[in-house]
């Protein structure tokens, strides 16, 4: 059909979120190695316009909330003409990598992320 399939947008969100975390020297694989996982707990998407094959998309990501056991990111995807394509959010929970049980956000991580709010 010439349009980007709707299932790709969560992948775009994740790539943008991983890049965003790396801007704060927070490589996701190192967080997991240190025993902290951040799986997606909730995801919301709204499609405003189609993206077409060949479009150059940019994803804006912003930390919206930082709570004791979870954090929320907001996203906006634009095409090369600055047309809003998709908006959405993801809520991630903090889990202990071994037990896979919820844990509080480590204080050192909270301090780093607090600056992004």
PDB file of N, CA and C in Angstrom:
ATOM      1  N   UNK A   1       0.814  -1.199   0.000  1.00  0.00           N
ATOM      2  CA  UNK A   1       0.000   0.000   0.000  1.00  0.00           C
ATOM      3  C   UNK A   1       0.857   1.261   0.000  1.00  0.00           C
ATOM      4  N   UNK A   2       2.159   1.112   0.180  1.00  0.00           N
ATOM      5  CA  UNK A   2       3.030   2.275   0.143  1.00  0.00           C
ATOM      6  C   UNK A   2       3.149   3.036   1.445  1.00  0.00           C
ATOM      7  N   UNK A   3       2.445   2.572   2.495  1.00  0.00           N
ATOM      8  CA  UNK A   3       2.521   3.261   3.781  1.00  0.00           C
ATOM      9  C   UNK A   3       3.280   2.397   4.784  1.00  0.00           C
ATOM     10  N   UNK A   4       3.835   3.039   5.777  1.00  0.00           N
ATOM     11  CA  UNK A   4       4.536   2.335   6.848  1.00  0.00           C
ATOM     12  C   UNK A   4       3.489   1.625   7.708  1.00  0.00           C
ATOM     13  N   UNK A   5       3.702   0.341   7.950  1.00  0.00           N
ATOM     14  CA  UNK A   5       2.752  -0.451   8.737  1.00  0.00           C
ATOM     15  C   UNK A   5       2.709   0.061  10.172  1.00  0.00           C
ATOM     16  N   UNK A   6       1.514   0.073  10.735  1.00  0.00           N
ATOM     17  CA  UNK A   6       1.317   0.621  12.084  1.00  0.00           C
ATOM     18  C   UNK A   6       2.167  -0.070  13.147  1.00  0.00           C
ATOM     19  N   UNK A   7       2.539  -1.317  12.923  1.00  0.00           N
ATOM     20  CA  UNK A   7       3.316  -2.052  13.936  1.00  0.00           C
ATOM     21  C   UNK A   7       4.749  -1.546  14.066  1.00  0.00           C
ATOM     22  N   UNK A   8       5.205  -0.714  13.157  1.00  0.00           N
ATOM     23  CA  UNK A   8       6.573  -0.189  13.233  1.00  0.00           C
ATOM     24  C   UNK A   8       6.736   0.938  14.239  1.00  0.00           C
ATOM     25  N   UNK A   9       5.663   1.628  14.562  1.00  0.00           N
ATOM     26  CA  UNK A   9       5.781   2.812  15.415  1.00  0.00           C
ATOM     27  C   UNK A   9       6.283   2.501  16.830  1.00  0.00           C
ATOM     28  N   UNK A  10       5.858   1.407  17.466  1.00  0.00           N
ATOM     29  CA  UNK A  10       6.468   1.081  18.766  1.00  0.00           C
ATOM     30  C   UNK A  10       7.983   0.844  18.668  1.00  0.00           C
ATOM     31  N   UNK A  11       8.429   0.329  17.539  1.00  0.00           N
ATOM     32  CA  UNK A  11       9.868   0.132  17.336  1.00  0.00           C
ATOM     33  C   UNK A  11      10.569   1.485  17.245  1.00  0.00           C
ATOM     34  N   UNK A  12       9.943   2.440  16.564  1.00  0.00           N
ATOM     35  CA  UNK A  12      10.516   3.788  16.489  1.00  0.00           C
ATOM     36  C   UNK A  12      10.585   4.422  17.877  1.00  0.00           C
ATOM     37  N   UNK A  13       9.530   4.207  18.673  1.00  0.00           N
ATOM     38  CA  UNK A  13       9.533   4.723  20.049  1.00  0.00           C
ATOM     39  C   UNK A  13      10.720   4.157  20.824  1.00  0.00           C
ATOM     40  N   UNK A  14      10.910   2.839  20.713  1.00  0.00           N
ATOM     41  CA  UNK A  14      11.981   2.198  21.478  1.00  0.00           C
ATOM     42  C   UNK A  14      13.353   2.706  21.044  1.00  0.00           C
ATOM     43  N   UNK A  15      13.577   2.812  19.752  1.00  0.00           N
ATOM     44  CA  UNK A  15      14.875   3.295  19.266  1.00  0.00           C
ATOM     45  C   UNK A  15      15.142   4.706  19.782  1.00  0.00           C
ATOM     46  N   UNK A  16      14.132   5.562  19.759  1.00  0.00           N
ATOM     47  CA  UNK A  16      14.297   6.933  20.253  1.00  0.00           C
ATOM     48  C   UNK A  16      14.560   6.947  21.754  1.00  0.00           C
ATOM     49  N   UNK A  17      13.857   6.079  22.501  1.00  0.00           N
ATOM     50  CA  UNK A  17      14.037   6.021  23.950  1.00  0.00           C
ATOM     51  C   UNK A  17      15.437   5.534  24.306  1.00  0.00           C
ATOM     52  N   UNK A  18      15.932   4.531  23.610  1.00  0.00           N
ATOM     53  CA  UNK A  18      17.291   4.016  23.864  1.00  0.00           C
ATOM     54  C   UNK A  18      18.318   5.105  23.577  1.00  0.00           C
ATOM     55  N   UNK A  19      18.154   5.833  22.463  1.00  0.00           N
ATOM     56  CA  UNK A  19      19.067   6.938  22.149  1.00  0.00           C
ATOM     57  C   UNK A  19      18.990   8.024  23.214  1.00  0.00           C
ATOM     58  N   UNK A  20      17.776   8.317  23.671  1.00  0.00           N
ATOM     59  CA  UNK A  20      17.578   9.343  24.698  1.00  0.00           C
ATOM     60  C   UNK A  20      18.312   8.955  25.977  1.00  0.00           C
ATOM     61  N   UNK A  21      18.170   7.714  26.402  1.00  0.00           N
ATOM     62  CA  UNK A  21      18.856   7.242  27.612  1.00  0.00           C
ATOM     63  C   UNK A  21      20.372   7.349  27.463  1.00  0.00           C
ATOM     64  N   UNK A  22      20.869   7.042  26.269  1.00  0.00           N
ATOM     65  CA  UNK A  22      22.314   7.111  26.042  1.00  0.00           C
ATOM     66  C   UNK A  22      22.838   8.539  26.132  1.00  0.00           C
ATOM     67  N   UNK A  23      21.978   9.536  25.858  1.00  0.00           N
ATOM     68  CA  UNK A  23      22.385  10.935  26.041  1.00  0.00           C
ATOM     69  C   UNK A  23      22.711  11.228  27.501  1.00  0.00           C
ATOM     70  N   UNK A  24      22.164  10.442  28.413  1.00  0.00           N
ATOM     71  CA  UNK A  24      22.423  10.580  29.848  1.00  0.00           C
ATOM     72  C   UNK A  24      23.423   9.535  30.334  1.00  0.00           C
ATOM     73  N   UNK A  25      24.164   8.950  29.393  1.00  0.00           N
ATOM     74  CA  UNK A  25      25.139   7.891  29.699  1.00  0.00           C
ATOM     75  C   UNK A  25      24.475   6.717  30.406  1.00  0.00           C
ATOM     76  N   UNK A  26      23.285   6.368  29.943  1.00  0.00           N
ATOM     77  CA  UNK A  26      22.539   5.247  30.509  1.00  0.00           C
ATOM     78  C   UNK A  26      22.280   4.221  29.410  1.00  0.00           C
ATOM     79  N   UNK A  27      23.248   3.380  29.161  1.00  0.00           N
ATOM     80  CA  UNK A  27      23.084   2.319  28.167  1.00  0.00           C
ATOM     81  C   UNK A  27      22.176   1.246  28.760  1.00  0.00           C
ATOM     82  N   UNK A  28      21.117   0.933  28.054  1.00  0.00           N
ATOM     83  CA  UNK A  28      20.116   0.012  28.590  1.00  0.00           C
ATOM     84  C   UNK A  28      20.718  -1.348  28.941  1.00  0.00           C
ATOM     85  N   UNK A  29      21.599  -1.856  28.096  1.00  0.00           N
ATOM     86  CA  UNK A  29      22.189  -3.177  28.376  1.00  0.00           C
ATOM     87  C   UNK A  29      23.045  -3.151  29.642  1.00  0.00           C
ATOM     88  N   UNK A  30      23.630  -2.002  29.978  1.00  0.00           N
ATOM     89  CA  UNK A  30      24.409  -1.908  31.215  1.00  0.00           C
ATOM     90  C   UNK A  30      23.497  -1.816  32.436  1.00  0.00           C
ATOM     91  N   UNK A  31      22.337  -1.176  32.275  1.00  0.00           N
ATOM     92  CA  UNK A  31      21.366  -1.154  33.368  1.00  0.00           C
ATOM     93  C   UNK A  31      20.925  -2.581  33.695  1.00  0.00           C
ATOM     94  N   UNK A  32      20.661  -3.367  32.653  1.00  0.00           N
ATOM     95  CA  UNK A  32      20.269  -4.757  32.880  1.00  0.00           C
ATOM     96  C   UNK A  32      21.402  -5.554  33.514  1.00  0.00           C
ATOM     97  N   UNK A  33      22.621  -5.294  33.074  1.00  0.00           N
ATOM     98  CA  UNK A  33      23.780  -5.981  33.651  1.00  0.00           C
ATOM     99  C   UNK A  33      23.915  -5.660  35.136  1.00  0.00           C
ATOM    100  N   UNK A  34      23.521  -4.438  35.516  1.00  0.00           N
ATOM    101  CA  UNK A  34      23.551  -4.021  36.917  1.00  0.00           C
ATOM    102  C   UNK A  34      22.328  -4.480  37.692  1.00  0.00           C
ATOM    103  N   UNK A  35      21.440  -5.239  37.025  1.00  0.00           N
ATOM    104  CA  UNK A  35      20.311  -5.828  37.732  1.00  0.00           C
ATOM    105  C   UNK A  35      19.002  -5.079  37.648  1.00  0.00           C
ATOM    106  N   UNK A  36      18.916  -4.075  36.757  1.00  0.00           N
ATOM    107  CA  UNK A  36      17.691  -3.288  36.641  1.00  0.00           C
ATOM    108  C   UNK A  36      17.091  -3.458  35.249  1.00  0.00           C
ATOM    109  N   UNK A  37      15.833  -3.869  35.214  1.00  0.00           N
ATOM    110  CA  UNK A  37      15.106  -3.969  33.956  1.00  0.00           C
ATOM    111  C   UNK A  37      14.031  -2.887  33.927  1.00  0.00           C
ATOM    112  N   UNK A  38      13.672  -2.454  32.703  1.00  0.00           N
ATOM    113  CA  UNK A  38      12.622  -1.448  32.548  1.00  0.00           C
ATOM    114  C   UNK A  38      11.691  -1.871  31.410  1.00  0.00           C
ATOM    115  N   UNK A  39      10.863  -2.878  31.642  1.00  0.00           N
ATOM    116  CA  UNK A  39       9.937  -3.302  30.592  1.00  0.00           C
ATOM    117  C   UNK A  39       8.775  -2.323  30.445  1.00  0.00           C
ATOM    118  N   UNK A  40       8.159  -2.345  29.272  1.00  0.00           N
ATOM    119  CA  UNK A  40       6.991  -1.502  29.026  1.00  0.00           C
ATOM    120  C   UNK A  40       5.797  -2.078  29.767  1.00  0.00           C
ATOM    121  N   UNK A  41       5.148  -1.226  30.515  1.00  0.00           N
ATOM    122  CA  UNK A  41       3.967  -1.569  31.299  1.00  0.00           C
ATOM    123  C   UNK A  41       2.703  -1.151  30.555  1.00  0.00           C
ATOM    124  N   UNK A  42       2.794  -0.022  29.837  1.00  0.00           N
ATOM    125  CA  UNK A  42       1.644   0.501  29.113  1.00  0.00           C
ATOM    126  C   UNK A  42       2.154   1.286  27.909  1.00  0.00           C
ATOM    127  N   UNK A  43       1.398   1.216  26.793  1.00  0.00           N
ATOM    128  CA  UNK A  43       1.747   1.982  25.598  1.00  0.00           C
ATOM    129  C   UNK A  43       0.472   2.551  24.986  1.00  0.00           C
ATOM    130  N   UNK A  44       0.543   3.814  24.613  1.00  0.00           N
ATOM    131  CA  UNK A  44      -0.565   4.487  23.945  1.00  0.00           C
ATOM    132  C   UNK A  44      -0.039   5.080  22.635  1.00  0.00           C
ATOM    133  N   UNK A  45      -0.824   4.939  21.570  1.00  0.00           N
ATOM    134  CA  UNK A  45      -0.455   5.514  20.277  1.00  0.00           C
ATOM    135  C   UNK A  45      -1.661   6.166  19.641  1.00  0.00           C
ATOM    136  N   UNK A  46      -1.407   7.242  18.927  1.00  0.00           N
ATOM    137  CA  UNK A  46      -2.454   7.867  18.131  1.00  0.00           C
ATOM    138  C   UNK A  46      -1.842   8.195  16.777  1.00  0.00           C
ATOM    139  N   UNK A  47      -2.499   7.699  15.730  1.00  0.00           N
ATOM    140  CA  UNK A  47      -2.020   7.915  14.365  1.00  0.00           C
ATOM    141  C   UNK A  47      -2.734   9.128  13.783  1.00  0.00           C
ATOM    142  N   UNK A  48      -1.973  10.159  13.422  1.00  0.00           N
ATOM    143  CA  UNK A  48      -2.533  11.397  12.906  1.00  0.00           C
ATOM    144  C   UNK A  48      -2.527  11.443  11.384  1.00  0.00           C
ATOM    145  N   UNK A  49      -1.517  10.852  10.775  1.00  0.00           N
ATOM    146  CA  UNK A  49      -1.379  10.837   9.318  1.00  0.00           C
ATOM    147  C   UNK A  49      -0.472   9.665   8.952  1.00  0.00           C
ATOM    148  N   UNK A  50      -0.597   9.160   7.749  1.00  0.00           N
ATOM    149  CA  UNK A  50       0.274   8.041   7.371  1.00  0.00           C
ATOM    150  C   UNK A  50       1.695   8.510   7.078  1.00  0.00           C
ATOM    151  N   UNK A  51       2.626   7.624   7.349  1.00  0.00           N
ATOM    152  CA  UNK A  51       4.000   7.799   6.878  1.00  0.00           C
ATOM    153  C   UNK A  51       4.126   6.896   5.656  1.00  0.00           C
ATOM    154  N   UNK A  52       4.816   7.385   4.650  1.00  0.00           N
ATOM    155  CA  UNK A  52       4.952   6.641   3.405  1.00  0.00           C
ATOM    156  C   UNK A  52       6.372   6.111   3.269  1.00  0.00           C
ATOM    157  N   UNK A  53       6.513   5.016   2.521  1.00  0.00           N
ATOM    158  CA  UNK A  53       7.838   4.479   2.249  1.00  0.00           C
ATOM    159  C   UNK A  53       8.674   5.581   1.628  1.00  0.00           C
ATOM    160  N   UNK A  54       9.886   5.738   2.126  1.00  0.00           N
ATOM    161  CA  UNK A  54      10.777   6.778   1.642  1.00  0.00           C
ATOM    162  C   UNK A  54      10.740   8.050   2.462  1.00  0.00           C
ATOM    163  N   UNK A  55       9.730   8.196   3.329  1.00  0.00           N
ATOM    164  CA  UNK A  55       9.695   9.371   4.204  1.00  0.00           C
ATOM    165  C   UNK A  55      10.871   9.327   5.176  1.00  0.00           C
ATOM    166  N   UNK A  56      11.351  10.494   5.529  1.00  0.00           N
ATOM    167  CA  UNK A  56      12.354  10.612   6.583  1.00  0.00           C
ATOM    168  C   UNK A  56      11.630  11.042   7.844  1.00  0.00           C
ATOM    169  N   UNK A  57      11.627  10.167   8.828  1.00  0.00           N
ATOM    170  CA  UNK A  57      10.895  10.424  10.060  1.00  0.00           C
ATOM    171  C   UNK A  57      11.843  10.846  11.170  1.00  0.00           C
ATOM    172  N   UNK A  58      11.371  11.751  12.001  1.00  0.00           N
ATOM    173  CA  UNK A  58      12.126  12.124  13.198  1.00  0.00           C
ATOM    174  C   UNK A  58      11.218  11.886  14.398  1.00  0.00           C
ATOM    175  N   UNK A  59      11.831  11.438  15.481  1.00  0.00           N
ATOM    176  CA  UNK A  59      11.077  11.107  16.690  1.00  0.00           C
ATOM    177  C   UNK A  59      11.568  11.992  17.823  1.00  0.00           C
ATOM    178  N   UNK A  60      10.642  12.728  18.415  1.00  0.00           N
ATOM    179  CA  UNK A  60      10.941  13.500  19.622  1.00  0.00           C
ATOM    180  C   UNK A  60      10.501  12.670  20.815  1.00  0.00           C
ATOM    181  N   UNK A  61      11.350  12.585  21.809  1.00  0.00           N
ATOM    182  CA  UNK A  61      11.021  11.842  23.024  1.00  0.00           C
ATOM    183  C   UNK A  61      11.294  12.739  24.223  1.00  0.00           C
ATOM    184  N   UNK A  62      10.404  12.662  25.203  1.00  0.00           N
ATOM    185  CA  UNK A  62      10.570  13.466  26.414  1.00  0.00           C
ATOM    186  C   UNK A  62      10.114  12.653  27.615  1.00  0.00           C
ATOM    187  N   UNK A  63      10.856  12.758  28.689  1.00  0.00           N
ATOM    188  CA  UNK A  63      10.449  12.133  29.941  1.00  0.00           C
ATOM    189  C   UNK A  63       9.306  12.954  30.519  1.00  0.00           C
ATOM    190  N   UNK A  64       8.166  12.327  30.710  1.00  0.00           N
ATOM    191  CA  UNK A  64       6.976  13.018  31.193  1.00  0.00           C
ATOM    192  C   UNK A  64       6.815  12.901  32.705  1.00  0.00           C
ATOM    193  N   UNK A  65       7.050  11.692  33.242  1.00  0.00           N
ATOM    194  CA  UNK A  65       6.888  11.446  34.683  1.00  0.00           C
ATOM    195  C   UNK A  65       7.985  10.520  35.171  1.00  0.00           C
ATOM    196  N   UNK A  66       8.396  10.732  36.391  1.00  0.00           N
ATOM    197  CA  UNK A  66       9.334   9.850  37.072  1.00  0.00           C
ATOM    198  C   UNK A  66       8.778   9.585  38.454  1.00  0.00           C
ATOM    199  N   UNK A  67       8.257   8.373  38.640  1.00  0.00           N
ATOM    200  CA  UNK A  67       7.686   7.990  39.920  1.00  0.00           C
ATOM    201  C   UNK A  67       8.590   6.958  40.587  1.00  0.00           C
ATOM    202  N   UNK A  68       8.203   6.513  41.771  1.00  0.00           N
ATOM    203  CA  UNK A  68       9.057   5.583  42.521  1.00  0.00           C
ATOM    204  C   UNK A  68       9.342   4.288  41.768  1.00  0.00           C
ATOM    205  N   UNK A  69       8.332   3.713  41.121  1.00  0.00           N
ATOM    206  CA  UNK A  69       8.515   2.407  40.495  1.00  0.00           C
ATOM    207  C   UNK A  69       8.300   2.404  38.986  1.00  0.00           C
ATOM    208  N   UNK A  70       8.094   3.581  38.385  1.00  0.00           N
ATOM    209  CA  UNK A  70       7.888   3.626  36.942  1.00  0.00           C
ATOM    210  C   UNK A  70       8.213   5.011  36.390  1.00  0.00           C
ATOM    211  N   UNK A  71       8.348   5.070  35.079  1.00  0.00           N
ATOM    212  CA  UNK A  71       8.571   6.331  34.403  1.00  0.00           C
ATOM    213  C   UNK A  71       7.791   6.328  33.099  1.00  0.00           C
ATOM    214  N   UNK A  72       7.426   7.533  32.632  1.00  0.00           N
ATOM    215  CA  UNK A  72       6.603   7.667  31.439  1.00  0.00           C
ATOM    216  C   UNK A  72       7.290   8.584  30.443  1.00  0.00           C
ATOM    217  N   UNK A  73       7.325   8.131  29.185  1.00  0.00           N
ATOM    218  CA  UNK A  73       7.880   8.911  28.086  1.00  0.00           C
ATOM    219  C   UNK A  73       6.771   9.295  27.120  1.00  0.00           C
ATOM    220  N   UNK A  74       6.861  10.490  26.556  1.00  0.00           N
ATOM    221  CA  UNK A  74       5.968  10.933  25.487  1.00  0.00           C
ATOM    222  C   UNK A  74       6.774  11.014  24.197  1.00  0.00           C
ATOM    223  N   UNK A  75       6.090  10.756  23.071  1.00  0.00           N
ATOM    224  CA  UNK A  75       6.735  10.729  21.759  1.00  0.00           C
ATOM    225  C   UNK A  75       5.902  11.504  20.750  1.00  0.00           C
ATOM    226  N   UNK A  76       6.600  12.111  19.800  1.00  0.00           N
ATOM    227  CA  UNK A  76       5.964  12.722  18.637  1.00  0.00           C
ATOM    228  C   UNK A  76       6.823  12.371  17.431  1.00  0.00           C
ATOM    229  N   UNK A  77       6.179  11.851  16.404  1.00  0.00           N
ATOM    230  CA  UNK A  77       6.883  11.494  15.173  1.00  0.00           C
ATOM    231  C   UNK A  77       6.432  12.437  14.065  1.00  0.00           C
ATOM    232  N   UNK A  78       7.410  13.002  13.363  1.00  0.00           N
ATOM    233  CA  UNK A  78       7.164  13.929  12.266  1.00  0.00           C
ATOM    234  C   UNK A  78       7.795  13.390  10.987  1.00  0.00           C
ATOM    235  N   UNK A  79       7.229  13.776   9.842  1.00  0.00           N
ATOM    236  CA  UNK A  79       7.879  13.444   8.581  1.00  0.00           C
ATOM    237  C   UNK A  79       8.817  14.586   8.185  1.00  0.00           C
ATOM    238  N   UNK A  80       9.429  14.467   7.015  1.00  0.00           N
ATOM    239  CA  UNK A  80      10.421  15.450   6.564  1.00  0.00           C
ATOM    240  C   UNK A  80       9.809  16.824   6.309  1.00  0.00           C
ATOM    241  N   UNK A  81       8.488  16.902   6.218  1.00  0.00           N
ATOM    242  CA  UNK A  81       7.801  18.183   6.028  1.00  0.00           C
ATOM    243  C   UNK A  81       7.261  18.746   7.340  1.00  0.00           C
ATOM    244  N   UNK A  82       7.726  18.203   8.451  1.00  0.00           N
ATOM    245  CA  UNK A  82       7.283  18.591   9.798  1.00  0.00           C
ATOM    246  C   UNK A  82       5.801  18.324  10.038  1.00  0.00           C
ATOM    247  N   UNK A  83       5.248  17.396   9.298  1.00  0.00           N
ATOM    248  CA  UNK A  83       3.853  16.999   9.538  1.00  0.00           C
ATOM    249  C   UNK A  83       3.829  15.978  10.660  1.00  0.00           C
ATOM    250  N   UNK A  84       2.958  16.206  11.632  1.00  0.00           N
ATOM    251  CA  UNK A  84       2.822  15.282  12.754  1.00  0.00           C
ATOM    252  C   UNK A  84       2.182  13.991  12.256  1.00  0.00           C
ATOM    253  N   UNK A  85       2.881  12.889  12.454  1.00  0.00           N
ATOM    254  CA  UNK A  85       2.434  11.585  11.985  1.00  0.00           C
ATOM    255  C   UNK A  85       1.797  10.779  13.117  1.00  0.00           C
ATOM    256  N   UNK A  86       2.479  10.720  14.247  1.00  0.00           N
ATOM    257  CA  UNK A  86       2.049   9.879  15.358  1.00  0.00           C
ATOM    258  C   UNK A  86       2.447  10.514  16.681  1.00  0.00           C
ATOM    259  N   UNK A  87       1.596  10.363  17.683  1.00  0.00           N
ATOM    260  CA  UNK A  87       1.949  10.716  19.054  1.00  0.00           C
ATOM    261  C   UNK A  87       1.710   9.492  19.916  1.00  0.00           C
ATOM    262  N   UNK A  88       2.382   9.459  21.044  1.00  0.00           N
ATOM    263  CA  UNK A  88       2.173   8.326  21.932  1.00  0.00           C
ATOM    264  C   UNK A  88       2.938   8.466  23.223  1.00  0.00           C
ATOM    265  N   UNK A  89       2.808   7.433  24.032  1.00  0.00           N
ATOM    266  CA  UNK A  89       3.526   7.386  25.305  1.00  0.00           C
ATOM    267  C   UNK A  89       3.785   5.944  25.677  1.00  0.00           C
ATOM    268  N   UNK A  90       4.813   5.757  26.470  1.00  0.00           N
ATOM    269  CA  UNK A  90       5.090   4.448  27.077  1.00  0.00           C
ATOM    270  C   UNK A  90       5.356   4.661  28.553  1.00  0.00           C
ATOM    271  N   UNK A  91       4.856   3.739  29.351  1.00  0.00           N
ATOM    272  CA  UNK A  91       5.158   3.716  30.774  1.00  0.00           C
ATOM    273  C   UNK A  91       5.990   2.468  31.019  1.00  0.00           C
ATOM    274  N   UNK A  92       7.147   2.658  31.640  1.00  0.00           N
ATOM    275  CA  UNK A  92       8.054   1.560  31.942  1.00  0.00           C
ATOM    276  C   UNK A  92       8.124   1.359  33.440  1.00  0.00           C
ATOM    277  N   UNK A  93       8.179   0.112  33.854  1.00  0.00           N
ATOM    278  CA  UNK A  93       8.300  -0.222  35.271  1.00  0.00           C
ATOM    279  C   UNK A  93       9.754  -0.572  35.574  1.00  0.00           C
ATOM    280  N   UNK A  94      10.170  -0.312  36.799  1.00  0.00           N
ATOM    281  CA  UNK A  94      11.497  -0.734  37.252  1.00  0.00           C
ATOM    282  C   UNK A  94      11.359  -2.110  37.884  1.00  0.00           C
ATOM    283  N   UNK A  95      12.138  -3.076  37.371  1.00  0.00           N
ATOM    284  CA  UNK A  95      12.109  -4.435  37.905  1.00  0.00           C
ATOM    285  C   UNK A  95      13.508  -4.882  38.261  1.00  0.00           C
ATOM    286  N   UNK A  96      13.586  -5.727  39.290  1.00  0.00           N
ATOM    287  CA  UNK A  96      14.828  -6.420  39.606  1.00  0.00           C
ATOM    288  C   UNK A  96      15.030  -7.472  38.522  1.00  0.00           C
ATOM    289  N   UNK A  97      16.188  -7.477  37.879  1.00  0.00           N
ATOM    290  CA  UNK A  97      16.442  -8.378  36.759  1.00  0.00           C
ATOM    291  C   UNK A  97      16.411  -9.846  37.166  1.00  0.00           C
ATOM    292  N   UNK A  98      16.785 -10.170  38.386  1.00  0.00           N
ATOM    293  CA  UNK A  98      16.789 -11.566  38.828  1.00  0.00           C
ATOM    294  C   UNK A  98      15.405 -12.058  39.217  1.00  0.00           C
ATOM    295  N   UNK A  99      14.756 -11.305  40.074  1.00  0.00           N
ATOM    296  CA  UNK A  99      13.445 -11.733  40.589  1.00  0.00           C
ATOM    297  C   UNK A  99      12.295 -11.321  39.673  1.00  0.00           C
ATOM    298  N   UNK A 100      12.553 -10.324  38.821  1.00  0.00           N
ATOM    299  CA  UNK A 100      11.518  -9.750  37.938  1.00  0.00           C
ATOM    300  C   UNK A 100      10.346  -9.170  38.726  1.00  0.00           C
ATOM    301  N   UNK A 101      10.649  -8.704  39.920  1.00  0.00           N
ATOM    302  CA  UNK A 101       9.663  -8.052  40.775  1.00  0.00           C
ATOM    303  C   UNK A 101       9.905  -6.540  40.746  1.00  0.00           C
ATOM    304  N   UNK A 102       8.837  -5.752  40.932  1.00  0.00           N
ATOM    305  CA  UNK A 102       9.001  -4.291  40.943  1.00  0.00           C
ATOM    306  C   UNK A 102       9.957  -3.826  42.040  1.00  0.00           C
ATOM    307  N   UNK A 103      10.721  -2.809  41.704  1.00  0.00           N
ATOM    308  CA  UNK A 103      11.634  -2.175  42.664  1.00  0.00           C
ATOM    309  C   UNK A 103      11.519  -0.668  42.494  1.00  0.00           C
ATOM    310  N   UNK A 104      11.989   0.049  43.485  1.00  0.00           N
ATOM    311  CA  UNK A 104      12.050   1.503  43.390  1.00  0.00           C
ATOM    312  C   UNK A 104      13.173   1.897  42.441  1.00  0.00           C
ATOM    313  N   UNK A 105      12.988   3.026  41.806  1.00  0.00           N
ATOM    314  CA  UNK A 105      14.045   3.575  40.959  1.00  0.00           C
ATOM    315  C   UNK A 105      15.264   3.847  41.835  1.00  0.00           C
ATOM    316  N   UNK A 106      16.428   3.330  41.455  1.00  0.00           N
ATOM    317  CA  UNK A 106      17.628   3.617  42.246  1.00  0.00           C
ATOM    318  C   UNK A 106      17.879   5.124  42.342  1.00  0.00           C
ATOM    319  N   UNK A 107      18.346   5.558  43.484  1.00  0.00           N
ATOM    320  CA  UNK A 107      18.541   6.987  43.733  1.00  0.00           C
ATOM    321  C   UNK A 107      19.487   7.614  42.716  1.00  0.00           C
ATOM    322  N   UNK A 108      20.570   6.926  42.355  1.00  0.00           N
ATOM    323  CA  UNK A 108      21.527   7.483  41.388  1.00  0.00           C
ATOM    324  C   UNK A 108      20.864   7.694  40.020  1.00  0.00           C
ATOM    325  N   UNK A 109      19.943   6.794  39.651  1.00  0.00           N
ATOM    326  CA  UNK A 109      19.240   6.925  38.386  1.00  0.00           C
ATOM    327  C   UNK A 109      18.209   8.051  38.461  1.00  0.00           C
ATOM    328  N   UNK A 110      17.518   8.132  39.588  1.00  0.00           N
ATOM    329  CA  UNK A 110      16.541   9.207  39.793  1.00  0.00           C
ATOM    330  C   UNK A 110      17.228  10.571  39.655  1.00  0.00           C
ATOM    331  N   UNK A 111      18.417  10.715  40.242  1.00  0.00           N
ATOM    332  CA  UNK A 111      19.139  11.988  40.163  1.00  0.00           C
ATOM    333  C   UNK A 111      19.484  12.347  38.724  1.00  0.00           C
ATOM    334  N   UNK A 112      19.921  11.360  37.931  1.00  0.00           N
ATOM    335  CA  UNK A 112      20.256  11.619  36.530  1.00  0.00           C
ATOM    336  C   UNK A 112      19.020  12.011  35.726  1.00  0.00           C
ATOM    337  N   UNK A 113      17.929  11.291  35.942  1.00  0.00           N
ATOM    338  CA  UNK A 113      16.726  11.524  35.156  1.00  0.00           C
ATOM    339  C   UNK A 113      15.951  12.760  35.598  1.00  0.00           C
ATOM    340  N   UNK A 114      16.098  13.146  36.847  1.00  0.00           N
ATOM    341  CA  UNK A 114      15.401  14.315  37.376  1.00  0.00           C
ATOM    342  C   UNK A 114      15.697  15.558  36.544  1.00  0.00           C
ATOM    343  N   UNK A 115      16.908  15.651  36.028  1.00  0.00           N
ATOM    344  CA  UNK A 115      17.306  16.812  35.227  1.00  0.00           C
ATOM    345  C   UNK A 115      16.556  16.895  33.899  1.00  0.00           C
ATOM    346  N   UNK A 116      15.956  15.785  33.462  1.00  0.00           N
ATOM    347  CA  UNK A 116      15.271  15.757  32.178  1.00  0.00           C
ATOM    348  C   UNK A 116      13.817  16.183  32.275  1.00  0.00           C
ATOM    349  N   UNK A 117      13.310  16.300  33.482  1.00  0.00           N
ATOM    350  CA  UNK A 117      11.896  16.678  33.635  1.00  0.00           C
ATOM    351  C   UNK A 117      11.693  18.169  33.443  1.00  0.00           C
TER     352      UNK A 117
END
